[in-house]
């Protein structure tokens, strides 16, 4: 009986944590598709698409090693419905 109560309490805590994480992520909608430039790092080839300009990307990569490419995920700024 005690183990069922503990299991229920643990499950409830995990659910609350998941809900809080989802809420926090929705508050900050910036993702790789929000930025037009990506860095690609040396040997690993890992890609990070969080640069607003080619110049910013190059400055970062100059000290680390790697190169910059246009983001394959970038969607551009959303169109404004106001005129």
C-alpha atoms as a PDB file:
ATOM      1  CA  UNK A   1       0.000   0.000   0.000  1.00  0.00           C
ATOM      2  CA  UNK A   2       2.788   2.414   0.944  1.00  0.00           C
ATOM      3  CA  UNK A   3       4.634   1.600  -2.276  1.00  0.00           C
ATOM      4  CA  UNK A   4       1.544   2.524  -4.335  1.00  0.00           C
ATOM      5  CA  UNK A   5       1.261   5.849  -2.533  1.00  0.00           C
ATOM      6  CA  UNK A   6       4.938   6.576  -3.115  1.00  0.00           C
ATOM      7  CA  UNK A   7       4.637   5.569  -6.776  1.00  0.00           C
ATOM      8  CA  UNK A   8       1.623   7.858  -7.206  1.00  0.00           C
ATOM      9  CA  UNK A   9       3.419  10.768  -5.499  1.00  0.00           C
ATOM     10  CA  UNK A  10       6.517  10.253  -7.647  1.00  0.00           C
ATOM     11  CA  UNK A  11       4.417  10.088 -10.830  1.00  0.00           C
ATOM     12  CA  UNK A  12       2.580  13.284  -9.880  1.00  0.00           C
ATOM     13  CA  UNK A  13       5.869  15.087  -9.246  1.00  0.00           C
ATOM     14  CA  UNK A  14       7.234  13.967 -12.621  1.00  0.00           C
ATOM     15  CA  UNK A  15       4.075  15.150 -14.384  1.00  0.00           C
ATOM     16  CA  UNK A  16       4.280  18.547 -12.707  1.00  0.00           C
ATOM     17  CA  UNK A  17       7.946  18.831 -13.718  1.00  0.00           C
ATOM     18  CA  UNK A  18       7.109  17.987 -17.329  1.00  0.00           C
ATOM     19  CA  UNK A  19       4.340  20.593 -17.397  1.00  0.00           C
ATOM     20  CA  UNK A  20       6.645  23.257 -15.959  1.00  0.00           C
ATOM     21  CA  UNK A  21       9.344  22.430 -18.523  1.00  0.00           C
ATOM     22  CA  UNK A  22       6.885  22.672 -21.397  1.00  0.00           C
ATOM     23  CA  UNK A  23       5.588  25.994 -20.102  1.00  0.00           C
ATOM     24  CA  UNK A  24       9.103  27.418 -19.790  1.00  0.00           C
ATOM     25  CA  UNK A  25      10.005  26.335 -23.307  1.00  0.00           C
ATOM     26  CA  UNK A  26       6.885  27.934 -24.786  1.00  0.00           C
ATOM     27  CA  UNK A  27       7.805  31.271 -23.173  1.00  0.00           C
ATOM     28  CA  UNK A  28      11.032  31.381 -25.197  1.00  0.00           C
ATOM     29  CA  UNK A  29      10.110  30.382 -28.744  1.00  0.00           C
ATOM     30  CA  UNK A  30      13.602  31.016 -30.122  1.00  0.00           C
ATOM     31  CA  UNK A  31      14.895  27.977 -31.888  1.00  0.00           C
ATOM     32  CA  UNK A  32      17.282  27.137 -34.688  1.00  0.00           C
ATOM     33  CA  UNK A  33      14.700  28.190 -37.259  1.00  0.00           C
ATOM     34  CA  UNK A  34      14.705  31.728 -35.797  1.00  0.00           C
ATOM     35  CA  UNK A  35      18.248  32.513 -36.966  1.00  0.00           C
ATOM     36  CA  UNK A  36      19.601  32.763 -40.529  1.00  0.00           C
ATOM     37  CA  UNK A  37      23.177  31.561 -39.890  1.00  0.00           C
ATOM     38  CA  UNK A  38      24.704  28.361 -38.502  1.00  0.00           C
ATOM     39  CA  UNK A  39      28.179  27.451 -37.360  1.00  0.00           C
ATOM     40  CA  UNK A  40      29.637  24.063 -38.194  1.00  0.00           C
ATOM     41  CA  UNK A  41      32.433  23.019 -35.856  1.00  0.00           C
ATOM     42  CA  UNK A  42      35.654  21.280 -36.876  1.00  0.00           C
ATOM     43  CA  UNK A  43      35.939  17.504 -36.575  1.00  0.00           C
ATOM     44  CA  UNK A  44      32.613  16.893 -34.875  1.00  0.00           C
ATOM     45  CA  UNK A  45      30.641  18.698 -37.573  1.00  0.00           C
ATOM     46  CA  UNK A  46      28.099  19.793 -34.968  1.00  0.00           C
ATOM     47  CA  UNK A  47      25.849  22.578 -36.183  1.00  0.00           C
ATOM     48  CA  UNK A  48      24.594  25.472 -34.064  1.00  0.00           C
ATOM     49  CA  UNK A  49      22.057  27.798 -35.701  1.00  0.00           C
ATOM     50  CA  UNK A  50      21.894  30.767 -33.348  1.00  0.00           C
ATOM     51  CA  UNK A  51      23.554  33.603 -35.275  1.00  0.00           C
ATOM     52  CA  UNK A  52      21.850  36.749 -36.537  1.00  0.00           C
ATOM     53  CA  UNK A  53      24.594  37.558 -39.036  1.00  0.00           C
ATOM     54  CA  UNK A  54      27.421  35.914 -40.927  1.00  0.00           C
ATOM     55  CA  UNK A  55      29.861  38.313 -39.224  1.00  0.00           C
ATOM     56  CA  UNK A  56      28.832  37.221 -35.716  1.00  0.00           C
ATOM     57  CA  UNK A  57      29.178  33.603 -36.697  1.00  0.00           C
ATOM     58  CA  UNK A  58      32.647  34.170 -38.200  1.00  0.00           C
ATOM     59  CA  UNK A  59      33.876  36.027 -35.107  1.00  0.00           C
ATOM     60  CA  UNK A  60      32.825  33.090 -32.934  1.00  0.00           C
ATOM     61  CA  UNK A  61      34.300  30.482 -35.271  1.00  0.00           C
ATOM     62  CA  UNK A  62      37.602  32.332 -35.658  1.00  0.00           C
ATOM     63  CA  UNK A  63      38.595  31.360 -32.118  1.00  0.00           C
ATOM     64  CA  UNK A  64      37.102  27.868 -32.112  1.00  0.00           C
ATOM     65  CA  UNK A  65      37.644  26.574 -35.604  1.00  0.00           C
ATOM     66  CA  UNK A  66      34.867  25.820 -38.023  1.00  0.00           C
ATOM     67  CA  UNK A  67      32.845  27.610 -40.647  1.00  0.00           C
ATOM     68  CA  UNK A  68      29.479  29.317 -41.161  1.00  0.00           C
ATOM     69  CA  UNK A  69      26.607  28.400 -43.466  1.00  0.00           C
ATOM     70  CA  UNK A  70      23.139  29.739 -44.131  1.00  0.00           C
ATOM     71  CA  UNK A  71      20.637  27.960 -41.922  1.00  0.00           C
ATOM     72  CA  UNK A  72      18.654  25.221 -43.641  1.00  0.00           C
ATOM     73  CA  UNK A  73      15.981  25.732 -40.947  1.00  0.00           C
ATOM     74  CA  UNK A  74      15.501  29.506 -41.144  1.00  0.00           C
ATOM     75  CA  UNK A  75      11.918  30.524 -41.908  1.00  0.00           C
ATOM     76  CA  UNK A  76      12.372  34.276 -41.866  1.00  0.00           C
ATOM     77  CA  UNK A  77      10.502  36.834 -39.820  1.00  0.00           C
ATOM     78  CA  UNK A  78       6.770  36.191 -39.503  1.00  0.00           C
ATOM     79  CA  UNK A  79       4.616  38.473 -41.615  1.00  0.00           C
ATOM     80  CA  UNK A  80       2.836  41.162 -39.655  1.00  0.00           C
ATOM     81  CA  UNK A  81      -0.892  41.427 -40.228  1.00  0.00           C
ATOM     82  CA  UNK A  82      -0.927  45.110 -39.217  1.00  0.00           C
ATOM     83  CA  UNK A  83      -0.669  47.860 -41.817  1.00  0.00           C
END
